[in-house]
Structures are given as structure tokens and as C-alpha cells.
Amino acid sequence: MARAANLLTLVPCREHPWEVGDDGRVRVLVPRYGAHALGRWLARNFGARPISVRLDRLGSAVWRACDGEASVDAIAARLEAELGPKEAPGHDRLARFFAEMDRGRLIRWRKT
């Protein structure tokens, strides 16, 4: 994660394709052998299906809000408006969620 910038001003951008299941939860489709040339070759030649990272209901709402344009602060405000103040994640919880997404290389960061 970009450490020099304020997290609230950064824009998270999705790195992988995703789909929504019948239950409304997001599944992020991560290439099994990575997105580099060797990984793509291995997946193509061995028929490897992508790894499906299944998000919970709140994680799915956050993932859908990551449109590549909204900052973390704007996403927090959007979720509070959609879910209400009791159910919306606080900034600390969002920071932990994005740290996990960054660690798993599911997102990349863009400065506003």
C-alpha cells in the first residue's frame, strides 16, 4: 500500500475480473499462476481455472464501490449512505479490508 499518502485520499482500483453469485456476493477471479506471461501460458496449457476469492456481504459492497474513480473517503461516505451508519464499516475497518486486498494484490492504488 502507498505509505506516503493519506489512505482516505487514495483511489483503489480493481486488478482482476469479478462476478456476482446468486447470493449477491462478489467472487474475484484471480489467475491461478499469476498474470505474468509464464502464468498465462501455464493456465492456458494446463486448463487451470482461476482462484475464486469469495467476499462477504460487506466486502462485496466495498468491492462494487471500487470503481477506480472514488477515493477511500468517498467509498466510506457512499457505504454509510447505502447501508446506514450502524451497518457501514468505519474507516478502521475499511483500512483493514483494503490492506488485505492490497496484500493479496487484488487492488492497486492511484493518487487523486
PDB file of N, CA and C in Angstrom:
ATOM      1  N   MET A   1       0.851  -1.171   0.000  1.00  0.00           N
ATOM      2  CA  MET A   1       0.000   0.000   0.000  1.00  0.00           C
ATOM      3  C   MET A   1       0.896   1.233   0.000  1.00  0.00           C
ATOM      4  N   ALA A   2       0.471   2.266  -0.623  1.00  0.00           N
ATOM      5  CA  ALA A   2       1.230   3.507  -0.658  1.00  0.00           C
ATOM      6  C   ALA A   2       1.272   4.098   0.741  1.00  0.00           C
ATOM      7  N   ARG A   3       2.450   4.206   1.324  1.00  0.00           N
ATOM      8  CA  ARG A   3       2.578   4.635   2.709  1.00  0.00           C
ATOM      9  C   ARG A   3       2.738   6.141   2.855  1.00  0.00           C
ATOM     10  N   ALA A   4       3.188   6.814   1.816  1.00  0.00           N
ATOM     11  CA  ALA A   4       3.455   8.239   1.925  1.00  0.00           C
ATOM     12  C   ALA A   4       2.182   9.078   1.829  1.00  0.00           C
ATOM     13  N   ALA A   5       1.124   8.513   1.321  1.00  0.00           N
ATOM     14  CA  ALA A   5      -0.104   9.274   1.114  1.00  0.00           C
ATOM     15  C   ALA A   5      -1.132   8.932   2.191  1.00  0.00           C
ATOM     16  N   ASN A   6      -2.063   9.823   2.393  1.00  0.00           N
ATOM     17  CA  ASN A   6      -3.178   9.587   3.296  1.00  0.00           C
ATOM     18  C   ASN A   6      -4.111   8.575   2.638  1.00  0.00           C
ATOM     19  N   LEU A   7      -4.423   7.500   3.346  1.00  0.00           N
ATOM     20  CA  LEU A   7      -5.251   6.430   2.788  1.00  0.00           C
ATOM     21  C   LEU A   7      -6.590   6.954   2.287  1.00  0.00           C
ATOM     22  N   LEU A   8      -7.180   7.908   2.990  1.00  0.00           N
ATOM     23  CA  LEU A   8      -8.505   8.397   2.623  1.00  0.00           C
ATOM     24  C   LEU A   8      -8.521   9.089   1.266  1.00  0.00           C
ATOM     25  N   THR A   9      -7.382   9.580   0.823  1.00  0.00           N
ATOM     26  CA  THR A   9      -7.328  10.289  -0.457  1.00  0.00           C
ATOM     27  C   THR A   9      -6.963   9.369  -1.627  1.00  0.00           C
ATOM     28  N   LEU A  10      -6.562   8.123  -1.332  1.00  0.00           N
ATOM     29  CA  LEU A  10      -6.173   7.196  -2.392  1.00  0.00           C
ATOM     30  C   LEU A  10      -7.397   6.567  -3.039  1.00  0.00           C
ATOM     31  N   VAL A  11      -7.233   6.179  -4.290  1.00  0.00           N
ATOM     32  CA  VAL A  11      -8.317   5.550  -5.052  1.00  0.00           C
ATOM     33  C   VAL A  11      -7.945   4.088  -5.287  1.00  0.00           C
ATOM     34  N   PRO A  12      -8.721   3.139  -4.739  1.00  0.00           N
ATOM     35  CA  PRO A  12      -8.443   1.730  -5.007  1.00  0.00           C
ATOM     36  C   PRO A  12      -8.995   1.321  -6.375  1.00  0.00           C
ATOM     37  N   CYS A  13      -8.186   0.608  -7.139  1.00  0.00           N
ATOM     38  CA  CYS A  13      -8.581   0.142  -8.472  1.00  0.00           C
ATOM     39  C   CYS A  13      -8.516  -1.383  -8.487  1.00  0.00           C
ATOM     40  N   ARG A  14      -9.572  -2.007  -8.959  1.00  0.00           N
ATOM     41  CA  ARG A  14      -9.625  -3.468  -9.032  1.00  0.00           C
ATOM     42  C   ARG A  14      -8.610  -3.981 -10.041  1.00  0.00           C
ATOM     43  N   GLU A  15      -7.978  -5.100  -9.709  1.00  0.00           N
ATOM     44  CA  GLU A  15      -6.947  -5.675 -10.571  1.00  0.00           C
ATOM     45  C   GLU A  15      -7.406  -6.922 -11.322  1.00  0.00           C
ATOM     46  N   HIS A  16      -8.516  -7.516 -10.933  1.00  0.00           N
ATOM     47  CA  HIS A  16      -8.930  -8.785 -11.520  1.00  0.00           C
ATOM     48  C   HIS A  16     -10.402  -8.744 -11.901  1.00  0.00           C
ATOM     49  N   PRO A  17     -10.791  -9.604 -12.823  1.00  0.00           N
ATOM     50  CA  PRO A  17     -12.219  -9.696 -13.148  1.00  0.00           C
ATOM     51  C   PRO A  17     -12.980 -10.252 -11.950  1.00  0.00           C
ATOM     52  N   TRP A  18     -14.268 -10.022 -11.960  1.00  0.00           N
ATOM     53  CA  TRP A  18     -15.099 -10.489 -10.855  1.00  0.00           C
ATOM     54  C   TRP A  18     -16.495 -10.755 -11.354  1.00  0.00           C
ATOM     55  N   GLU A  19     -17.241 -11.493 -10.542  1.00  0.00           N
ATOM     56  CA  GLU A  19     -18.617 -11.810 -10.882  1.00  0.00           C
ATOM     57  C   GLU A  19     -19.435 -11.827  -9.596  1.00  0.00           C
ATOM     58  N   VAL A  20     -20.730 -11.689  -9.768  1.00  0.00           N
ATOM     59  CA  VAL A  20     -21.640 -11.716  -8.635  1.00  0.00           C
ATOM     60  C   VAL A  20     -22.403 -13.025  -8.682  1.00  0.00           C
ATOM     61  N   GLY A  21     -22.395 -13.750  -7.563  1.00  0.00           N
ATOM     62  CA  GLY A  21     -23.089 -15.024  -7.487  1.00  0.00           C
ATOM     63  C   GLY A  21     -24.579 -14.842  -7.265  1.00  0.00           C
ATOM     64  N   ASP A  22     -25.286 -15.947  -7.224  1.00  0.00           N
ATOM     65  CA  ASP A  22     -26.730 -15.928  -6.993  1.00  0.00           C
ATOM     66  C   ASP A  22     -27.087 -15.325  -5.640  1.00  0.00           C
ATOM     67  N   ASP A  23     -26.157 -15.430  -4.688  1.00  0.00           N
ATOM     68  CA  ASP A  23     -26.396 -14.894  -3.349  1.00  0.00           C
ATOM     69  C   ASP A  23     -26.079 -13.402  -3.242  1.00  0.00           C
ATOM     70  N   GLY A  24     -25.650 -12.787  -4.351  1.00  0.00           N
ATOM     71  CA  GLY A  24     -25.344 -11.365  -4.353  1.00  0.00           C
ATOM     72  C   GLY A  24     -23.938 -11.037  -3.894  1.00  0.00           C
ATOM     73  N   ARG A  25     -23.159 -12.064  -3.565  1.00  0.00           N
ATOM     74  CA  ARG A  25     -21.792 -11.837  -3.102  1.00  0.00           C
ATOM     75  C   ARG A  25     -20.814 -11.875  -4.272  1.00  0.00           C
ATOM     76  N   VAL A  26     -19.783 -11.062  -4.160  1.00  0.00           N
ATOM     77  CA  VAL A  26     -18.774 -10.933  -5.218  1.00  0.00           C
ATOM     78  C   VAL A  26     -17.755 -12.059  -5.103  1.00  0.00           C
ATOM     79  N   ARG A  27     -17.360 -12.583  -6.257  1.00  0.00           N
ATOM     80  CA  ARG A  27     -16.246 -13.517  -6.348  1.00  0.00           C
ATOM     81  C   ARG A  27     -15.208 -12.886  -7.267  1.00  0.00           C
ATOM     82  N   VAL A  28     -14.014 -12.665  -6.734  1.00  0.00           N
ATOM     83  CA  VAL A  28     -12.909 -12.113  -7.509  1.00  0.00           C
ATOM     84  C   VAL A  28     -12.174 -13.294  -8.132  1.00  0.00           C
ATOM     85  N   LEU A  29     -11.938 -13.226  -9.429  1.00  0.00           N
ATOM     86  CA  LEU A  29     -11.318 -14.321 -10.176  1.00  0.00           C
ATOM     87  C   LEU A  29      -9.833 -14.024 -10.389  1.00  0.00           C
ATOM     88  N   VAL A  30      -8.997 -14.665  -9.576  1.00  0.00           N
ATOM     89  CA  VAL A  30      -7.550 -14.432  -9.591  1.00  0.00           C
ATOM     90  C   VAL A  30      -6.888 -15.527 -10.422  1.00  0.00           C
ATOM     91  N   PRO A  31      -6.053 -15.157 -11.395  1.00  0.00           N
ATOM     92  CA  PRO A  31      -5.367 -16.177 -12.201  1.00  0.00           C
ATOM     93  C   PRO A  31      -4.561 -17.131 -11.312  1.00  0.00           C
ATOM     94  N   ARG A  32      -4.727 -18.426 -11.525  1.00  0.00           N
ATOM     95  CA  ARG A  32      -4.096 -19.437 -10.670  1.00  0.00           C
ATOM     96  C   ARG A  32      -2.573 -19.310 -10.647  1.00  0.00           C
ATOM     97  N   TYR A  33      -1.956 -19.065 -11.758  1.00  0.00           N
ATOM     98  CA  TYR A  33      -0.494 -18.995 -11.822  1.00  0.00           C
ATOM     99  C   TYR A  33       0.015 -17.571 -11.987  1.00  0.00           C
ATOM    100  N   GLY A  34      -0.791 -16.604 -11.701  1.00  0.00           N
ATOM    101  CA  GLY A  34      -0.389 -15.206 -11.809  1.00  0.00           C
ATOM    102  C   GLY A  34      -0.728 -14.631 -13.168  1.00  0.00           C
ATOM    103  N   ALA A  35      -0.583 -13.320 -13.278  1.00  0.00           N
ATOM    104  CA  ALA A  35      -0.950 -12.622 -14.503  1.00  0.00           C
ATOM    105  C   ALA A  35       0.246 -12.394 -15.429  1.00  0.00           C
ATOM    106  N   HIS A  36       1.420 -12.826 -15.014  1.00  0.00           N
ATOM    107  CA  HIS A  36       2.602 -12.645 -15.861  1.00  0.00           C
ATOM    108  C   HIS A  36       2.571 -13.644 -17.021  1.00  0.00           C
ATOM    109  N   ALA A  37       3.476 -13.508 -17.974  1.00  0.00           N
ATOM    110  CA  ALA A  37       3.453 -14.304 -19.205  1.00  0.00           C
ATOM    111  C   ALA A  37       3.543 -15.804 -18.926  1.00  0.00           C
ATOM    112  N   LEU A  38       4.425 -16.220 -18.032  1.00  0.00           N
ATOM    113  CA  LEU A  38       4.556 -17.644 -17.720  1.00  0.00           C
ATOM    114  C   LEU A  38       3.273 -18.175 -17.084  1.00  0.00           C
ATOM    115  N   GLY A  39       2.690 -17.396 -16.187  1.00  0.00           N
ATOM    116  CA  GLY A  39       1.445 -17.813 -15.547  1.00  0.00           C
ATOM    117  C   GLY A  39       0.310 -17.963 -16.544  1.00  0.00           C
ATOM    118  N   ARG A  40       0.213 -17.046 -17.481  1.00  0.00           N
ATOM    119  CA  ARG A  40      -0.825 -17.145 -18.513  1.00  0.00           C
ATOM    120  C   ARG A  40      -0.603 -18.377 -19.386  1.00  0.00           C
ATOM    121  N   TRP A  41       0.665 -18.655 -19.729  1.00  0.00           N
ATOM    122  CA  TRP A  41       0.984 -19.829 -20.528  1.00  0.00           C
ATOM    123  C   TRP A  41       0.609 -21.113 -19.786  1.00  0.00           C
ATOM    124  N   LEU A  42       0.977 -21.204 -18.501  1.00  0.00           N
ATOM    125  CA  LEU A  42       0.644 -22.387 -17.704  1.00  0.00           C
ATOM    126  C   LEU A  42      -0.868 -22.587 -17.615  1.00  0.00           C
ATOM    127  N   ALA A  43      -1.597 -21.511 -17.358  1.00  0.00           N
ATOM    128  CA  ALA A  43      -3.050 -21.615 -17.236  1.00  0.00           C
ATOM    129  C   ALA A  43      -3.677 -22.070 -18.556  1.00  0.00           C
ATOM    130  N   ARG A  44      -3.186 -21.528 -19.649  1.00  0.00           N
ATOM    131  CA  ARG A  44      -3.731 -21.865 -20.963  1.00  0.00           C
ATOM    132  C   ARG A  44      -3.427 -23.330 -21.314  1.00  0.00           C
ATOM    133  N   ASN A  45      -2.217 -23.788 -21.045  1.00  0.00           N
ATOM    134  CA  ASN A  45      -1.808 -25.133 -21.446  1.00  0.00           C
ATOM    135  C   ASN A  45      -2.249 -26.236 -20.489  1.00  0.00           C
ATOM    136  N   PHE A  46      -2.522 -25.873 -19.257  1.00  0.00           N
ATOM    137  CA  PHE A  46      -2.957 -26.878 -18.292  1.00  0.00           C
ATOM    138  C   PHE A  46      -4.417 -26.711 -17.898  1.00  0.00           C
ATOM    139  N   GLY A  47      -5.107 -25.804 -18.547  1.00  0.00           N
ATOM    140  CA  GLY A  47      -6.535 -25.629 -18.303  1.00  0.00           C
ATOM    141  C   GLY A  47      -6.867 -25.240 -16.880  1.00  0.00           C
ATOM    142  N   ALA A  48      -6.002 -24.477 -16.258  1.00  0.00           N
ATOM    143  CA  ALA A  48      -6.219 -24.094 -14.867  1.00  0.00           C
ATOM    144  C   ALA A  48      -7.281 -23.005 -14.761  1.00  0.00           C
ATOM    145  N   ARG A  49      -8.280 -23.271 -13.972  1.00  0.00           N
ATOM    146  CA  ARG A  49      -9.321 -22.269 -13.720  1.00  0.00           C
ATOM    147  C   ARG A  49      -8.803 -21.263 -12.697  1.00  0.00           C
ATOM    148  N   PRO A  50      -9.308 -20.043 -12.739  1.00  0.00           N
ATOM    149  CA  PRO A  50      -8.847 -19.044 -11.772  1.00  0.00           C
ATOM    150  C   PRO A  50      -9.288 -19.397 -10.356  1.00  0.00           C
ATOM    151  N   ILE A  51      -8.578 -18.851  -9.392  1.00  0.00           N
ATOM    152  CA  ILE A  51      -8.940 -18.994  -7.985  1.00  0.00           C
ATOM    153  C   ILE A  51     -10.082 -18.022  -7.718  1.00  0.00           C
ATOM    154  N   SER A  52     -11.106 -18.482  -7.062  1.00  0.00           N
ATOM    155  CA  SER A  52     -12.273 -17.657  -6.768  1.00  0.00           C
ATOM    156  C   SER A  52     -12.196 -17.182  -5.321  1.00  0.00           C
ATOM    157  N   VAL A  53     -11.974 -15.883  -5.145  1.00  0.00           N
ATOM    158  CA  VAL A  53     -11.928 -15.292  -3.809  1.00  0.00           C
ATOM    159  C   VAL A  53     -13.315 -14.752  -3.510  1.00  0.00           C
ATOM    160  N   ARG A  54     -13.997 -15.382  -2.567  1.00  0.00           N
ATOM    161  CA  ARG A  54     -15.381 -15.026  -2.251  1.00  0.00           C
ATOM    162  C   ARG A  54     -15.422 -14.020  -1.110  1.00  0.00           C
ATOM    163  N   LEU A  55     -16.056 -12.903  -1.351  1.00  0.00           N
ATOM    164  CA  LEU A  55     -16.157 -11.849  -0.349  1.00  0.00           C
ATOM    165  C   LEU A  55     -17.471 -11.964   0.411  1.00  0.00           C
ATOM    166  N   ASP A  56     -17.466 -11.499   1.651  1.00  0.00           N
ATOM    167  CA  ASP A  56     -18.713 -11.482   2.415  1.00  0.00           C
ATOM    168  C   ASP A  56     -19.589 -10.332   1.925  1.00  0.00           C
ATOM    169  N   ARG A  57     -20.735 -10.167   2.543  1.00  0.00           N
ATOM    170  CA  ARG A  57     -21.701  -9.164   2.078  1.00  0.00           C
ATOM    171  C   ARG A  57     -21.116  -7.755   2.137  1.00  0.00           C
ATOM    172  N   LEU A  58     -20.450  -7.430   3.221  1.00  0.00           N
ATOM    173  CA  LEU A  58     -19.874  -6.092   3.358  1.00  0.00           C
ATOM    174  C   LEU A  58     -18.691  -5.907   2.409  1.00  0.00           C
ATOM    175  N   GLY A  59     -17.840  -6.924   2.305  1.00  0.00           N
ATOM    176  CA  GLY A  59     -16.717  -6.860   1.372  1.00  0.00           C
ATOM    177  C   GLY A  59     -17.187  -6.711  -0.063  1.00  0.00           C
ATOM    178  N   SER A  60     -18.301  -7.365  -0.388  1.00  0.00           N
ATOM    179  CA  SER A  60     -18.877  -7.254  -1.731  1.00  0.00           C
ATOM    180  C   SER A  60     -19.345  -5.834  -2.007  1.00  0.00           C
ATOM    181  N   ALA A  61     -19.954  -5.204  -1.003  1.00  0.00           N
ATOM    182  CA  ALA A  61     -20.405  -3.818  -1.171  1.00  0.00           C
ATOM    183  C   ALA A  61     -19.218  -2.886  -1.384  1.00  0.00           C
ATOM    184  N   VAL A  62     -18.143  -3.118  -0.636  1.00  0.00           N
ATOM    185  CA  VAL A  62     -16.942  -2.286  -0.791  1.00  0.00           C
ATOM    186  C   VAL A  62     -16.331  -2.520  -2.172  1.00  0.00           C
ATOM    187  N   TRP A  63     -16.242  -3.784  -2.595  1.00  0.00           N
ATOM    188  CA  TRP A  63     -15.644  -4.111  -3.896  1.00  0.00           C
ATOM    189  C   TRP A  63     -16.402  -3.439  -5.033  1.00  0.00           C
ATOM    190  N   ARG A  64     -17.731  -3.492  -4.976  1.00  0.00           N
ATOM    191  CA  ARG A  64     -18.535  -2.859  -6.027  1.00  0.00           C
ATOM    192  C   ARG A  64     -18.318  -1.351  -6.052  1.00  0.00           C
ATOM    193  N   ALA A  65     -18.041  -0.760  -4.891  1.00  0.00           N
ATOM    194  CA  ALA A  65     -17.840   0.685  -4.812  1.00  0.00           C
ATOM    195  C   ALA A  65     -16.471   1.103  -5.357  1.00  0.00           C
ATOM    196  N   CYS A  66     -15.556   0.169  -5.483  1.00  0.00           N
ATOM    197  CA  CYS A  66     -14.216   0.463  -6.006  1.00  0.00           C
ATOM    198  C   CYS A  66     -14.293   0.568  -7.526  1.00  0.00           C
ATOM    199  N   ASP A  67     -14.652   1.735  -8.002  1.00  0.00           N
ATOM    200  CA  ASP A  67     -14.845   1.923  -9.444  1.00  0.00           C
ATOM    201  C   ASP A  67     -13.634   2.535 -10.133  1.00  0.00           C
ATOM    202  N   GLY A  68     -12.558   2.755  -9.387  1.00  0.00           N
ATOM    203  CA  GLY A  68     -11.365   3.363  -9.963  1.00  0.00           C
ATOM    204  C   GLY A  68     -11.425   4.874  -9.997  1.00  0.00           C
ATOM    205  N   GLU A  69     -12.519   5.451  -9.531  1.00  0.00           N
ATOM    206  CA  GLU A  69     -12.686   6.906  -9.508  1.00  0.00           C
ATOM    207  C   GLU A  69     -12.878   7.439  -8.083  1.00  0.00           C
ATOM    208  N   ALA A  70     -13.494   6.633  -7.212  1.00  0.00           N
ATOM    209  CA  ALA A  70     -13.837   7.077  -5.861  1.00  0.00           C
ATOM    210  C   ALA A  70     -12.680   6.820  -4.894  1.00  0.00           C
ATOM    211  N   SER A  71     -12.390   7.805  -4.057  1.00  0.00           N
ATOM    212  CA  SER A  71     -11.363   7.648  -3.028  1.00  0.00           C
ATOM    213  C   SER A  71     -11.919   6.799  -1.890  1.00  0.00           C
ATOM    214  N   VAL A  72     -11.051   6.371  -1.002  1.00  0.00           N
ATOM    215  CA  VAL A  72     -11.484   5.581   0.152  1.00  0.00           C
ATOM    216  C   VAL A  72     -12.479   6.378   0.987  1.00  0.00           C
ATOM    217  N   ASP A  73     -12.241   7.672   1.152  1.00  0.00           N
ATOM    218  CA  ASP A  73     -13.165   8.518   1.910  1.00  0.00           C
ATOM    219  C   ASP A  73     -14.538   8.578   1.229  1.00  0.00           C
ATOM    220  N   ALA A  74     -14.568   8.703  -0.096  1.00  0.00           N
ATOM    221  CA  ALA A  74     -15.832   8.732  -0.836  1.00  0.00           C
ATOM    222  C   ALA A  74     -16.544   7.387  -0.749  1.00  0.00           C
ATOM    223  N   ILE A  75     -15.782   6.294  -0.772  1.00  0.00           N
ATOM    224  CA  ILE A  75     -16.378   4.967  -0.641  1.00  0.00           C
ATOM    225  C   ILE A  75     -17.011   4.816   0.734  1.00  0.00           C
ATOM    226  N   ALA A  76     -16.325   5.283   1.771  1.00  0.00           N
ATOM    227  CA  ALA A  76     -16.874   5.216   3.133  1.00  0.00           C
ATOM    228  C   ALA A  76     -18.177   5.999   3.220  1.00  0.00           C
ATOM    229  N   ALA A  77     -18.218   7.186   2.619  1.00  0.00           N
ATOM    230  CA  ALA A  77     -19.435   8.002   2.645  1.00  0.00           C
ATOM    231  C   ALA A  77     -20.554   7.325   1.864  1.00  0.00           C
ATOM    232  N   ARG A  78     -20.233   6.735   0.719  1.00  0.00           N
ATOM    233  CA  ARG A  78     -21.233   6.048  -0.099  1.00  0.00           C
ATOM    234  C   ARG A  78     -21.823   4.856   0.657  1.00  0.00           C
ATOM    235  N   LEU A  79     -20.967   4.091   1.317  1.00  0.00           N
ATOM    236  CA  LEU A  79     -21.449   2.927   2.067  1.00  0.00           C
ATOM    237  C   LEU A  79     -22.312   3.345   3.251  1.00  0.00           C
ATOM    238  N   GLU A  80     -21.951   4.440   3.899  1.00  0.00           N
ATOM    239  CA  GLU A  80     -22.769   4.914   5.014  1.00  0.00           C
ATOM    240  C   GLU A  80     -24.143   5.353   4.523  1.00  0.00           C
ATOM    241  N   ALA A  81     -24.198   5.978   3.348  1.00  0.00           N
ATOM    242  CA  ALA A  81     -25.485   6.398   2.783  1.00  0.00           C
ATOM    243  C   ALA A  81     -26.320   5.184   2.374  1.00  0.00           C
ATOM    244  N   GLU A  82     -25.678   4.152   1.812  1.00  0.00           N
ATOM    245  CA  GLU A  82     -26.400   2.966   1.357  1.00  0.00           C
ATOM    246  C   GLU A  82     -26.815   2.046   2.499  1.00  0.00           C
ATOM    247  N   LEU A  83     -25.898   1.815   3.437  1.00  0.00           N
ATOM    248  CA  LEU A  83     -26.131   0.823   4.479  1.00  0.00           C
ATOM    249  C   LEU A  83     -26.629   1.404   5.796  1.00  0.00           C
ATOM    250  N   GLY A  84     -26.460   2.690   5.967  1.00  0.00           N
ATOM    251  CA  GLY A  84     -26.820   3.311   7.232  1.00  0.00           C
ATOM    252  C   GLY A  84     -25.617   3.332   8.170  1.00  0.00           C
ATOM    253  N   PRO A  85     -25.622   4.242   9.137  1.00  0.00           N
ATOM    254  CA  PRO A  85     -24.451   4.405   9.994  1.00  0.00           C
ATOM    255  C   PRO A  85     -24.161   3.187  10.889  1.00  0.00           C
ATOM    256  N   LYS A  86     -25.182   2.403  11.219  1.00  0.00           N
ATOM    257  CA  LYS A  86     -24.950   1.245  12.097  1.00  0.00           C
ATOM    258  C   LYS A  86     -24.245   0.103  11.373  1.00  0.00           C
ATOM    259  N   GLU A  87     -24.542  -0.085  10.103  1.00  0.00           N
ATOM    260  CA  GLU A  87     -24.005  -1.223   9.368  1.00  0.00           C
ATOM    261  C   GLU A  87     -22.774  -0.880   8.528  1.00  0.00           C
ATOM    262  N   ALA A  88     -22.601   0.371   8.191  1.00  0.00           N
ATOM    263  CA  ALA A  88     -21.469   0.770   7.350  1.00  0.00           C
ATOM    264  C   ALA A  88     -20.160   0.593   8.123  1.00  0.00           C
ATOM    265  N   PRO A  89     -19.113   0.155   7.424  1.00  0.00           N
ATOM    266  CA  PRO A  89     -17.833  -0.020   8.109  1.00  0.00           C
ATOM    267  C   PRO A  89     -17.205   1.336   8.432  1.00  0.00           C
ATOM    268  N   GLY A  90     -16.511   1.401   9.538  1.00  0.00           N
ATOM    269  CA  GLY A  90     -15.774   2.609   9.880  1.00  0.00           C
ATOM    270  C   GLY A  90     -14.488   2.677   9.086  1.00  0.00           C
ATOM    271  N   HIS A  91     -13.785   3.788   9.217  1.00  0.00           N
ATOM    272  CA  HIS A  91     -12.541   3.959   8.470  1.00  0.00           C
ATOM    273  C   HIS A  91     -11.508   2.908   8.866  1.00  0.00           C
ATOM    274  N   ASP A  92     -11.475   2.511  10.147  1.00  0.00           N
ATOM    275  CA  ASP A  92     -10.509   1.496  10.577  1.00  0.00           C
ATOM    276  C   ASP A  92     -10.775   0.156   9.900  1.00  0.00           C
ATOM    277  N   ARG A  93     -12.052  -0.218   9.835  1.00  0.00           N
ATOM    278  CA  ARG A  93     -12.399  -1.487   9.203  1.00  0.00           C
ATOM    279  C   ARG A  93     -12.122  -1.440   7.704  1.00  0.00           C
ATOM    280  N   LEU A  94     -12.407  -0.317   7.074  1.00  0.00           N
ATOM    281  CA  LEU A  94     -12.091  -0.168   5.649  1.00  0.00           C
ATOM    282  C   LEU A  94     -10.591  -0.255   5.417  1.00  0.00           C
ATOM    283  N   ALA A  95      -9.809   0.350   6.301  1.00  0.00           N
ATOM    284  CA  ALA A  95      -8.353   0.313   6.166  1.00  0.00           C
ATOM    285  C   ALA A  95      -7.853  -1.129   6.248  1.00  0.00           C
ATOM    286  N   ARG A  96      -8.401  -1.919   7.165  1.00  0.00           N
ATOM    287  CA  ARG A  96      -8.001  -3.330   7.275  1.00  0.00           C
ATOM    288  C   ARG A  96      -8.416  -4.111   6.028  1.00  0.00           C
ATOM    289  N   PHE A  97      -9.625  -3.849   5.528  1.00  0.00           N
ATOM    290  CA  PHE A  97     -10.091  -4.529   4.320  1.00  0.00           C
ATOM    291  C   PHE A  97      -9.169  -4.216   3.145  1.00  0.00           C
ATOM    292  N   PHE A  98      -8.868  -2.943   2.946  1.00  0.00           N
ATOM    293  CA  PHE A  98      -8.013  -2.565   1.826  1.00  0.00           C
ATOM    294  C   PHE A  98      -6.584  -3.069   2.006  1.00  0.00           C
ATOM    295  N   ALA A  99      -6.112  -3.162   3.245  1.00  0.00           N
ATOM    296  CA  ALA A  99      -4.782  -3.722   3.487  1.00  0.00           C
ATOM    297  C   ALA A  99      -4.735  -5.185   3.048  1.00  0.00           C
ATOM    298  N   GLU A 100      -5.802  -5.940   3.342  1.00  0.00           N
ATOM    299  CA  GLU A 100      -5.868  -7.342   2.906  1.00  0.00           C
ATOM    300  C   GLU A 100      -5.957  -7.436   1.379  1.00  0.00           C
ATOM    301  N   MET A 101      -6.745  -6.569   0.772  1.00  0.00           N
ATOM    302  CA  MET A 101      -6.868  -6.581  -0.684  1.00  0.00           C
ATOM    303  C   MET A 101      -5.532  -6.212  -1.339  1.00  0.00           C
ATOM    304  N   ASP A 102      -4.818  -5.273  -0.734  1.00  0.00           N
ATOM    305  CA  ASP A 102      -3.515  -4.870  -1.248  1.00  0.00           C
ATOM    306  C   ASP A 102      -2.500  -6.000  -1.078  1.00  0.00           C
ATOM    307  N   ARG A 103      -2.509  -6.631   0.079  1.00  0.00           N
ATOM    308  CA  ARG A 103      -1.581  -7.723   0.354  1.00  0.00           C
ATOM    309  C   ARG A 103      -1.812  -8.886  -0.622  1.00  0.00           C
ATOM    310  N   GLY A 104      -3.054  -9.154  -0.958  1.00  0.00           N
ATOM    311  CA  GLY A 104      -3.379 -10.212  -1.914  1.00  0.00           C
ATOM    312  C   GLY A 104      -3.282  -9.774  -3.369  1.00  0.00           C
ATOM    313  N   ARG A 105      -2.866  -8.538  -3.588  1.00  0.00           N
ATOM    314  CA  ARG A 105      -2.721  -7.956  -4.929  1.00  0.00           C
ATOM    315  C   ARG A 105      -4.025  -7.990  -5.723  1.00  0.00           C
ATOM    316  N   LEU A 106      -5.124  -7.757  -5.019  1.00  0.00           N
ATOM    317  CA  LEU A 106      -6.418  -7.696  -5.685  1.00  0.00           C
ATOM    318  C   LEU A 106      -6.749  -6.283  -6.140  1.00  0.00           C
ATOM    319  N   ILE A 107      -6.050  -5.306  -5.561  1.00  0.00           N
ATOM    320  CA  ILE A 107      -6.240  -3.908  -5.937  1.00  0.00           C
ATOM    321  C   ILE A 107      -4.885  -3.261  -6.151  1.00  0.00           C
ATOM    322  N   ARG A 108      -4.914  -2.122  -6.820  1.00  0.00           N
ATOM    323  CA  ARG A 108      -3.737  -1.252  -6.912  1.00  0.00           C
ATOM    324  C   ARG A 108      -4.220   0.144  -6.520  1.00  0.00           C
ATOM    325  N   TRP A 109      -3.298   1.007  -6.196  1.00  0.00           N
ATOM    326  CA  TRP A 109      -3.659   2.329  -5.706  1.00  0.00           C
ATOM    327  C   TRP A 109      -3.333   3.397  -6.745  1.00  0.00           C
ATOM    328  N   ARG A 110      -4.192   4.401  -6.772  1.00  0.00           N
ATOM    329  CA  ARG A 110      -3.976   5.573  -7.613  1.00  0.00           C
ATOM    330  C   ARG A 110      -4.180   6.789  -6.740  1.00  0.00           C
ATOM    331  N   LYS A 111      -3.324   7.767  -6.892  1.00  0.00           N
ATOM    332  CA  LYS A 111      -3.483   9.011  -6.134  1.00  0.00           C
ATOM    333  C   LYS A 111      -4.498   9.906  -6.824  1.00  0.00           C
ATOM    334  N   THR A 112      -5.243  10.656  -6.020  1.00  0.00           N
ATOM    335  CA  THR A 112      -6.234  11.579  -6.591  1.00  0.00           C
ATOM    336  C   THR A 112      -5.585  12.846  -7.063  1.00  0.00           C
TER     337      THR A 112
END
